């Protein structure tokens, strides 16, 4: 039997809401609201605010919105609209009653992230981990336990007995330290892939060419070139590039020829832009922030690609692989199937299922230099050292081995 209610019979005013009496106490946002240490987590955010000036938006609302955005993996605009539609999320962030208005504008997320920075986010994360540890939700187990007599093999000779006594004397200090340590610290580094198009030199130069043509159009609208608009040959270059992209596997000579064509075009457009900006009394003020940034990135890309073209090489220092995300750098990892990755390199530490971002950088760094800081950060957070540290061989430098030996660890 098919059931269907016609649109004409639906009256929104008669829609009944189950929230007239009380919210569902088993809802995840209701449970999470009562479980989080809000007063401790808001301290890093409160420290970044000024006591002078007009009142701010309730920091509880801002912190709750940041948590929702992280858990649901939403954009700034989607986070605000989702909170606007969800009564449980509004209860979670601390609103007194349901409202159909925006809790704040999405642009506030950008300001908050800039003020907090990586250090502020890490402090909020540490506050949460400290609270979980104090409440017993994180329990680090001891790895050192006294062996029962059944687990100890009986010595076959007096020589074996003497050897056991020497080993016990040698490791007595290490055992005293290890008996007070708890938990396992795992450290590793990886690359967070960036959402960018796979970088090709010809594609990058073509993006710069199109961006330079847009800037020339803007300067022409402001009458920076007099009566004649400079020629960019955009139609011919577009047709050439499309024919080049249609080739399934272009040869090195074709790639080099296309790169030369795009470099010449970009050089010509760059000269036109500089001439137009110098001729106008406002100069660079004509361009918006994005257009000015693209113009600066475009010049860096041109210099790098020209250097690689002349020297016939494929590497250059601080190489830019994206016009719109110039901060991304290629990370050579040497993994099977993914020799080079594009994104930020992150150094992580994990304990009892909780992960901490210790270092994040778009430039490649040696993660082995930070092992001592990661171990000390563990002790600062929990009050004791880990009972064991698990790491790759890159972390086991001579300096790190000596540091771990002093703490009573076996460098195996």
Protein backbone atom coordinates (compact mmCIF):
# COMPACT_ATOMS: atom_id res chain seq x y z
CA UNK A 1 0.00 0.00 0.00
CA UNK A 2 1.38 3.40 -1.05
CA UNK A 3 1.09 6.39 1.26
CA UNK A 4 1.63 9.97 0.10
CA UNK A 5 0.56 13.33 1.51
CA UNK A 6 -0.13 16.00 -1.13
CA UNK A 7 1.66 19.34 -0.79
CA UNK A 8 -1.66 21.17 -0.47
CA UNK A 9 -2.50 19.24 2.71
CA UNK A 10 0.73 20.05 4.51
CA UNK A 11 0.58 22.99 6.92
CA UNK A 12 3.88 23.99 8.47
CA UNK A 13 2.16 25.84 11.28
CA UNK A 14 0.69 22.57 12.56
CA UNK A 15 4.10 20.86 12.61
CA UNK A 16 4.63 19.39 16.07
CA UNK A 17 8.04 19.58 17.71
CA UNK A 18 9.26 16.98 20.22
CA UNK A 19 11.40 19.62 21.98
CA UNK A 20 8.58 21.33 23.85
CA UNK A 21 9.41 19.58 27.12
CA UNK A 22 13.09 18.53 27.10
CA UNK A 23 15.93 17.46 24.86
CA UNK A 24 17.01 13.86 24.46
CA UNK A 25 19.62 13.36 27.18
CA UNK A 26 21.26 10.52 25.22
CA UNK A 27 22.03 12.70 22.22
CA UNK A 28 25.77 12.87 21.48
CA UNK A 29 25.89 16.69 21.66
CA UNK A 30 24.12 16.71 25.02
CA UNK A 31 26.52 14.11 26.41
CA UNK A 32 29.57 15.87 24.98
CA UNK A 33 28.46 19.23 26.37
CA UNK A 34 28.58 17.86 29.92
CA UNK A 35 31.82 15.93 29.39
CA UNK A 36 34.16 18.64 28.10
CA UNK A 37 36.28 20.90 30.38
CA UNK A 38 35.03 24.18 28.89
CA UNK A 39 36.64 26.46 31.48
CA UNK A 40 40.11 25.01 30.85
CA UNK A 41 39.79 24.78 27.08
CA UNK A 42 38.67 28.40 26.71
CA UNK A 43 41.74 29.82 28.50
CA UNK A 44 44.02 29.91 25.38
CA UNK A 45 41.22 31.66 23.47
CA UNK A 46 40.61 34.10 26.33
CA UNK A 47 44.33 34.99 26.47
CA UNK A 48 44.25 36.15 22.83
CA UNK A 49 41.43 38.65 23.46
CA UNK A 50 41.72 42.25 24.59
CA UNK A 51 40.03 43.47 27.77
CA UNK A 52 39.37 46.85 26.17
CA UNK A 53 36.84 47.74 23.49
CA UNK A 54 33.35 46.49 22.81
CA UNK A 55 32.20 43.12 24.22
CA UNK A 56 33.11 40.04 22.21
CA UNK A 57 30.86 37.23 21.15
CA UNK A 58 30.57 34.64 23.92
CA UNK A 59 33.79 32.61 23.71
CA UNK A 60 31.80 29.50 24.65
CA UNK A 61 29.90 29.86 21.36
CA UNK A 62 33.13 30.29 19.38
CA UNK A 63 34.86 27.32 21.01
CA UNK A 64 31.80 25.12 20.53
CA UNK A 65 31.58 26.09 16.87
CA UNK A 66 35.27 25.24 16.37
CA UNK A 67 34.70 21.80 17.92
CA UNK A 68 31.66 21.17 15.70
CA UNK A 69 33.59 22.23 12.61
CA UNK A 70 36.46 19.89 13.45
CA UNK A 71 34.25 16.90 14.29
CA UNK A 72 31.94 17.25 11.29
CA UNK A 73 34.66 18.43 8.85
CA UNK A 74 32.65 21.38 7.62
CA UNK A 75 33.55 24.65 5.94
CA UNK A 76 33.10 27.96 7.75
CA UNK A 77 29.80 28.73 6.02
CA UNK A 78 28.49 25.18 6.42
CA UNK A 79 29.31 25.19 10.13
CA UNK A 80 27.24 28.31 10.77
CA UNK A 81 24.29 27.08 8.70
CA UNK A 82 24.39 23.64 10.36
CA UNK A 83 24.34 25.18 13.84
CA UNK A 84 21.52 27.44 12.70
CA UNK A 85 19.42 24.38 11.78
CA UNK A 86 20.30 22.02 14.65
CA UNK A 87 18.84 22.58 18.12
CA UNK A 88 21.24 20.10 19.72
CA UNK A 89 24.27 21.93 18.36
CA UNK A 90 22.89 25.20 19.67
CA UNK A 91 22.49 23.58 23.08
CA UNK A 92 26.05 22.25 22.81
CA UNK A 93 27.65 25.66 22.17
CA UNK A 94 25.72 27.21 25.09
CA UNK A 95 22.85 29.16 23.54
CA UNK A 96 19.99 29.76 26.03
CA UNK A 97 17.26 28.87 23.51
CA UNK A 98 16.73 27.83 19.92
CA UNK A 99 17.15 30.59 17.34
CA UNK A 100 16.99 30.79 13.57
CA UNK A 101 19.62 33.56 13.44
CA UNK A 102 23.32 33.03 12.76
CA UNK A 103 25.35 32.63 15.93
CA UNK A 104 28.07 34.75 14.28
CA UNK A 105 29.38 35.44 10.79
CA UNK A 106 31.60 32.81 9.11
CA UNK A 107 34.40 35.38 8.71
CA UNK A 108 35.00 35.21 12.47
CA UNK A 109 36.51 31.74 12.03
CA UNK A 110 39.38 33.24 10.03
CA UNK A 111 40.11 35.83 12.71
CA UNK A 112 40.00 33.27 15.52
CA UNK A 113 42.33 30.85 13.71
CA UNK A 114 44.82 33.64 13.07
CA UNK A 115 44.78 34.71 16.72
CA UNK A 116 45.10 31.20 18.09
CA UNK A 117 47.69 29.92 15.64
CA UNK A 118 49.22 26.49 15.98
CA UNK A 119 50.35 27.18 19.55
CA UNK A 120 46.86 28.12 20.73
CA UNK A 121 45.27 25.04 19.16
CA UNK A 122 47.92 22.87 20.83
CA UNK A 123 47.13 24.45 24.22
CA UNK A 124 43.42 23.66 23.81
CA UNK A 125 44.32 20.08 22.89
CA UNK A 126 46.63 19.76 25.91
CA UNK A 127 43.90 21.09 28.20
CA UNK A 128 41.56 18.37 26.97
CA UNK A 129 44.18 15.62 27.39
CA UNK A 130 45.07 16.82 30.89
CA UNK A 131 41.40 16.75 31.89
CA UNK A 132 40.94 13.23 30.51
CA UNK A 133 44.03 12.07 32.39
CA UNK A 134 42.89 13.59 35.69
CA UNK A 135 39.44 12.05 35.39
CA UNK A 136 40.91 8.62 34.69
CA UNK A 137 39.73 8.36 31.10
CA UNK A 138 43.37 8.03 29.99
CA UNK A 139 45.11 5.28 31.93
CA UNK A 140 48.75 4.66 31.17
CA UNK A 141 49.89 1.22 32.18
CA UNK A 142 53.26 0.39 33.72
CA UNK A 143 55.52 -1.63 31.48
CA UNK A 144 57.92 -2.70 34.24
CA UNK A 145 56.60 -5.51 36.41
CA UNK A 146 58.51 -7.70 38.82
CA UNK A 147 58.91 -11.20 37.48
CA UNK A 148 57.53 -14.07 39.51
CA UNK A 149 59.86 -16.93 40.48
CA UNK A 150 58.17 -19.16 37.90
CA UNK A 151 59.21 -16.80 35.08
CA UNK A 152 62.89 -16.88 36.10
CA UNK A 153 64.93 -19.80 34.78
CA UNK A 154 67.13 -21.54 37.29
CA UNK A 155 70.86 -21.02 36.58
CA UNK A 156 72.75 -24.02 35.31
CA UNK A 157 76.09 -22.94 36.76
CA UNK A 158 77.76 -20.42 39.02
CA UNK A 159 78.93 -18.43 35.98
CA UNK A 160 75.32 -17.82 34.91
CA UNK A 161 74.43 -16.71 38.44
CA UNK A 162 77.26 -14.18 38.51
CA UNK A 163 76.21 -12.85 35.09
CA UNK A 164 72.67 -12.34 36.30
CA UNK A 165 73.88 -10.46 39.35
CA UNK A 166 76.05 -8.17 37.20
CA UNK A 167 73.14 -7.43 34.89
CA UNK A 168 70.89 -6.63 37.84
CA UNK A 169 73.49 -4.25 39.31
CA UNK A 170 74.02 -2.57 35.92
CA UNK A 171 70.32 -2.06 35.26
CA UNK A 172 69.21 -1.21 38.80
CA UNK A 173 69.10 2.54 38.12
CA UNK A 174 67.27 2.02 34.84
CA UNK A 175 64.69 -0.19 36.51
CA UNK A 176 64.04 2.40 39.22
CA UNK A 177 63.33 4.98 36.54
CA UNK A 178 61.28 2.62 34.41
CA UNK A 179 59.09 1.60 37.36
CA UNK A 180 57.72 5.14 37.59
CA UNK A 181 57.14 5.53 33.85
CA UNK A 182 53.78 4.77 32.27
CA UNK A 183 52.30 4.53 28.82
CA UNK A 184 53.71 4.13 25.33
CA UNK A 185 54.71 7.08 23.17
CA UNK A 186 54.63 6.55 19.42
CA UNK A 187 56.23 9.17 17.19
CA UNK A 188 56.15 9.39 13.43
CA UNK A 189 56.09 11.92 10.59
CA UNK A 190 53.93 12.03 7.50
CA UNK A 191 52.63 14.43 4.86
CA UNK A 192 49.08 15.80 4.89
CA UNK A 193 48.08 15.79 1.20
CA UNK A 194 47.01 19.18 -0.11
CA UNK A 195 43.97 19.51 -2.35
CA UNK A 196 45.77 20.73 -5.47
CA UNK A 197 45.98 19.70 -9.09
CA UNK A 198 48.94 17.46 -9.86
CA UNK A 199 51.68 20.00 -10.60
CA UNK A 200 52.99 20.13 -14.15
CA UNK A 201 55.33 22.90 -15.29
CA UNK A 202 53.29 23.62 -18.41
CA UNK A 203 50.01 23.73 -16.47
CA UNK A 204 51.53 26.07 -13.90
CA UNK A 205 52.86 28.41 -16.60
CA UNK A 206 49.50 28.37 -18.36
CA UNK A 207 47.71 29.32 -15.12
CA UNK A 208 50.13 32.21 -14.70
CA UNK A 209 49.52 33.27 -18.31
CA UNK A 210 45.75 33.38 -17.81
CA UNK A 211 46.13 35.27 -14.54
CA UNK A 212 48.41 37.84 -16.21
CA UNK A 213 45.83 38.33 -18.96
CA UNK A 214 43.14 39.06 -16.36
CA UNK A 215 45.38 41.70 -14.76
CA UNK A 216 45.99 43.28 -18.16
CA UNK A 217 42.21 43.45 -18.69
CA UNK A 218 41.82 45.22 -15.34
CA UNK A 219 44.53 47.74 -16.21
CA UNK A 220 42.89 48.35 -19.58
CA UNK A 221 39.61 49.18 -17.83
CA UNK A 222 41.50 51.80 -15.79
CA UNK A 223 43.00 53.26 -19.01
CA UNK A 224 46.58 52.42 -18.13
CA UNK A 225 47.68 51.72 -21.72
CA UNK A 226 46.42 54.77 -23.56
CA UNK A 227 44.39 54.18 -26.71
CA UNK A 228 45.81 50.79 -27.73
CA UNK A 229 45.44 47.65 -25.64
CA UNK A 230 48.61 45.52 -25.63
CA UNK A 231 48.35 42.25 -27.51
CA UNK A 232 48.47 39.04 -25.52
CA UNK A 233 47.75 36.50 -28.31
CA UNK A 234 45.49 34.66 -25.88
CA UNK A 235 43.45 32.89 -28.57
CA UNK A 236 46.51 31.47 -30.34
CA UNK A 237 48.12 30.45 -27.06
CA UNK A 238 44.91 28.82 -25.86
CA UNK A 239 44.66 26.78 -29.08
CA UNK A 240 48.32 25.75 -28.87
CA UNK A 241 47.98 24.66 -25.27
CA UNK A 242 44.81 22.66 -25.98
CA UNK A 243 46.53 20.83 -28.84
CA UNK A 244 49.45 20.14 -26.53
CA UNK A 245 47.18 18.73 -23.79
CA UNK A 246 45.45 16.46 -26.29
CA UNK A 247 48.73 14.63 -26.81
CA UNK A 248 48.60 11.53 -24.61
CA UNK A 249 52.34 11.20 -24.00
CA UNK A 250 54.18 14.30 -25.26
CA UNK A 251 57.88 13.96 -25.88
CA UNK A 252 60.48 15.95 -23.97
CA UNK A 253 61.08 18.18 -26.99
CA UNK A 254 57.36 19.05 -27.20
CA UNK A 255 57.20 19.80 -23.49
CA UNK A 256 60.27 21.99 -23.74
CA UNK A 257 58.86 23.80 -26.77
CA UNK A 258 55.55 24.46 -24.98
CA UNK A 259 57.38 25.72 -21.91
CA UNK A 260 59.38 28.13 -24.04
CA UNK A 261 56.20 29.48 -25.66
CA UNK A 262 54.53 30.04 -22.29
CA UNK A 263 57.64 31.62 -20.80
CA UNK A 264 57.83 34.10 -23.69
CA UNK A 265 54.14 34.91 -23.30
CA UNK A 266 54.46 35.37 -19.54
CA UNK A 267 57.52 37.61 -19.98
CA UNK A 268 55.66 39.79 -22.48
CA UNK A 269 52.57 40.07 -20.27
CA UNK A 270 54.70 40.85 -17.23
CA UNK A 271 56.34 43.75 -19.07
CA UNK A 272 52.91 45.10 -20.09
CA UNK A 273 51.67 44.94 -16.49
CA UNK A 274 54.71 46.76 -15.12
CA UNK A 275 54.36 49.44 -17.79
CA UNK A 276 50.65 49.90 -17.09
CA UNK A 277 51.13 50.12 -13.32
CA UNK A 278 53.89 52.72 -13.67
CA UNK A 279 51.74 54.83 -16.04
CA UNK A 280 48.74 55.05 -13.68
CA UNK A 281 48.91 57.50 -10.72
CA UNK A 282 47.40 54.93 -8.31
CA UNK A 283 49.91 52.26 -9.28
CA UNK A 284 49.48 49.00 -7.38
CA UNK A 285 46.37 50.34 -5.63
CA UNK A 286 44.39 49.42 -8.75
CA UNK A 287 44.81 45.72 -7.99
CA UNK A 288 43.02 43.86 -5.22
CA UNK A 289 44.94 41.88 -2.62
CA UNK A 290 44.40 38.61 -4.49
CA UNK A 291 45.42 40.09 -7.85
CA UNK A 292 48.53 41.67 -6.33
CA UNK A 293 49.47 38.38 -4.64
CA UNK A 294 48.98 36.49 -7.91
CA UNK A 295 51.20 39.02 -9.65
CA UNK A 296 54.00 38.50 -7.12
CA UNK A 297 53.66 34.69 -7.26
CA UNK A 298 53.62 34.87 -11.04
CA UNK A 299 57.00 36.61 -11.08
CA UNK A 300 58.51 33.99 -8.74
CA UNK A 301 57.14 31.18 -10.91
CA UNK A 302 58.59 32.82 -14.02
CA UNK A 303 62.04 33.14 -12.45
CA UNK A 304 62.04 29.52 -11.23
CA UNK A 305 60.76 28.05 -14.50
CA UNK A 306 63.18 30.14 -16.54
CA UNK A 307 66.09 28.92 -14.42
CA UNK A 308 65.04 25.29 -14.85
CA UNK A 309 64.51 25.79 -18.60
CA UNK A 310 67.95 27.35 -19.18
CA UNK A 311 69.83 24.86 -17.01
CA UNK A 312 67.75 21.87 -18.19
CA UNK A 313 66.95 20.70 -14.68
CA UNK A 314 63.79 19.77 -12.81
CA UNK A 315 64.59 21.03 -9.32
CA UNK A 316 64.91 24.47 -7.77
CA UNK A 317 64.95 25.71 -4.19
CA UNK A 318 61.55 26.67 -2.69
CA UNK A 319 59.82 25.50 -5.83
CA UNK A 320 56.24 26.76 -6.29
CA UNK A 321 53.86 24.11 -7.61
CA UNK A 322 50.54 26.00 -7.44
CA UNK A 323 49.64 29.58 -8.34
CA UNK A 324 46.72 29.73 -5.91
CA UNK A 325 48.53 27.86 -3.08
CA UNK A 326 52.13 29.07 -3.37
CA UNK A 327 53.01 27.86 0.12
CA UNK A 328 52.78 24.17 -0.87
CA UNK A 329 56.11 22.45 -1.47
CA UNK A 330 56.95 19.05 -2.98
CA UNK A 331 57.91 16.51 -0.30
CA UNK A 332 60.14 13.69 -1.56
CA UNK A 333 59.25 10.74 0.68
CA UNK A 334 60.52 7.82 -1.41
CA UNK A 335 57.48 5.63 -0.74
CA UNK A 336 56.33 2.99 -3.20
CA UNK A 337 53.79 4.48 -5.58
CA UNK A 338 54.17 7.97 -4.09
CA UNK A 339 57.73 9.11 -4.40
CA UNK A 340 56.73 12.77 -4.03
CA UNK A 341 53.82 14.17 -2.05
CA UNK A 342 52.48 17.70 -1.94
CA UNK A 343 51.38 19.18 1.37
CA UNK A 344 52.51 20.00 4.88
CA UNK A 345 54.90 17.70 6.72
CA UNK A 346 53.60 16.93 10.21
CA UNK A 347 55.39 15.34 13.14
CA UNK A 348 52.98 13.36 15.34
CA UNK A 349 53.03 11.72 18.75
CA UNK A 350 50.37 9.20 19.81
CA UNK A 351 49.56 7.71 23.20
CA UNK A 352 46.51 5.67 24.20
CA UNK A 353 44.77 6.55 20.94
CA UNK A 354 45.18 10.33 21.33
CA UNK A 355 47.26 12.07 18.66
CA UNK A 356 49.14 15.35 19.08
CA UNK A 357 50.49 17.50 16.25
CA UNK A 358 53.93 18.56 17.44
CA UNK A 359 55.40 20.21 14.34
CA UNK A 360 53.74 21.33 11.11
CA UNK A 361 55.71 22.89 8.26
CA UNK A 362 55.29 23.18 4.50
CA UNK A 363 59.08 23.00 4.16
CA UNK A 364 60.71 19.63 4.65
CA UNK A 365 62.44 19.09 8.01
CA UNK A 366 64.22 16.27 9.81
CA UNK A 367 61.73 14.85 12.30
CA UNK A 368 64.52 13.14 14.25
CA UNK A 369 65.63 16.50 15.69
CA UNK A 370 62.38 16.81 17.69
CA UNK A 371 62.32 13.49 19.58
CA UNK A 372 63.66 14.99 22.81
CA UNK A 373 61.04 17.74 22.73
CA UNK A 374 58.27 15.18 22.15
CA UNK A 375 59.35 13.05 25.12
CA UNK A 376 59.63 16.12 27.37
CA UNK A 377 56.21 17.32 26.20
CA UNK A 378 54.78 13.94 27.27
CA UNK A 379 56.31 14.34 30.74
CA UNK A 380 55.06 17.94 31.02
CA UNK A 381 51.54 16.87 30.08
CA UNK A 382 51.18 13.75 32.25
CA UNK A 383 53.81 14.26 34.97
CA UNK A 384 55.96 11.23 34.09
CA UNK A 385 57.94 9.81 31.19
CA UNK A 386 56.57 7.07 28.94
CA UNK A 387 57.59 3.52 29.71
CA UNK A 388 58.55 2.96 26.07
CA UNK A 389 59.12 5.07 22.98
CA UNK A 390 58.37 3.63 19.54
CA UNK A 391 59.98 5.41 16.59
CA UNK A 392 61.50 4.85 13.16
CA UNK A 393 65.24 4.60 12.61
CA UNK A 394 65.46 8.23 11.52
CA UNK A 395 64.78 9.23 15.14
CA UNK A 396 67.61 7.07 16.53
CA UNK A 397 70.48 9.50 16.10
CA UNK A 398 73.45 9.40 18.45
CA UNK A 399 72.13 12.38 20.39
CA UNK A 400 68.68 10.81 20.77
CA UNK A 401 70.17 7.44 21.79
CA UNK A 402 72.20 9.11 24.55
CA UNK A 403 69.11 11.01 25.71
CA UNK A 404 67.02 7.84 25.87
CA UNK A 405 69.81 5.92 27.63
CA UNK A 406 69.96 8.56 30.36
CA UNK A 407 66.22 8.08 30.91
CA UNK A 408 66.67 4.32 31.29
CA UNK A 409 65.43 3.10 27.92
CA UNK A 410 66.84 0.22 25.89
CA UNK A 411 67.79 1.51 22.40
CA UNK A 412 66.67 -1.53 20.46
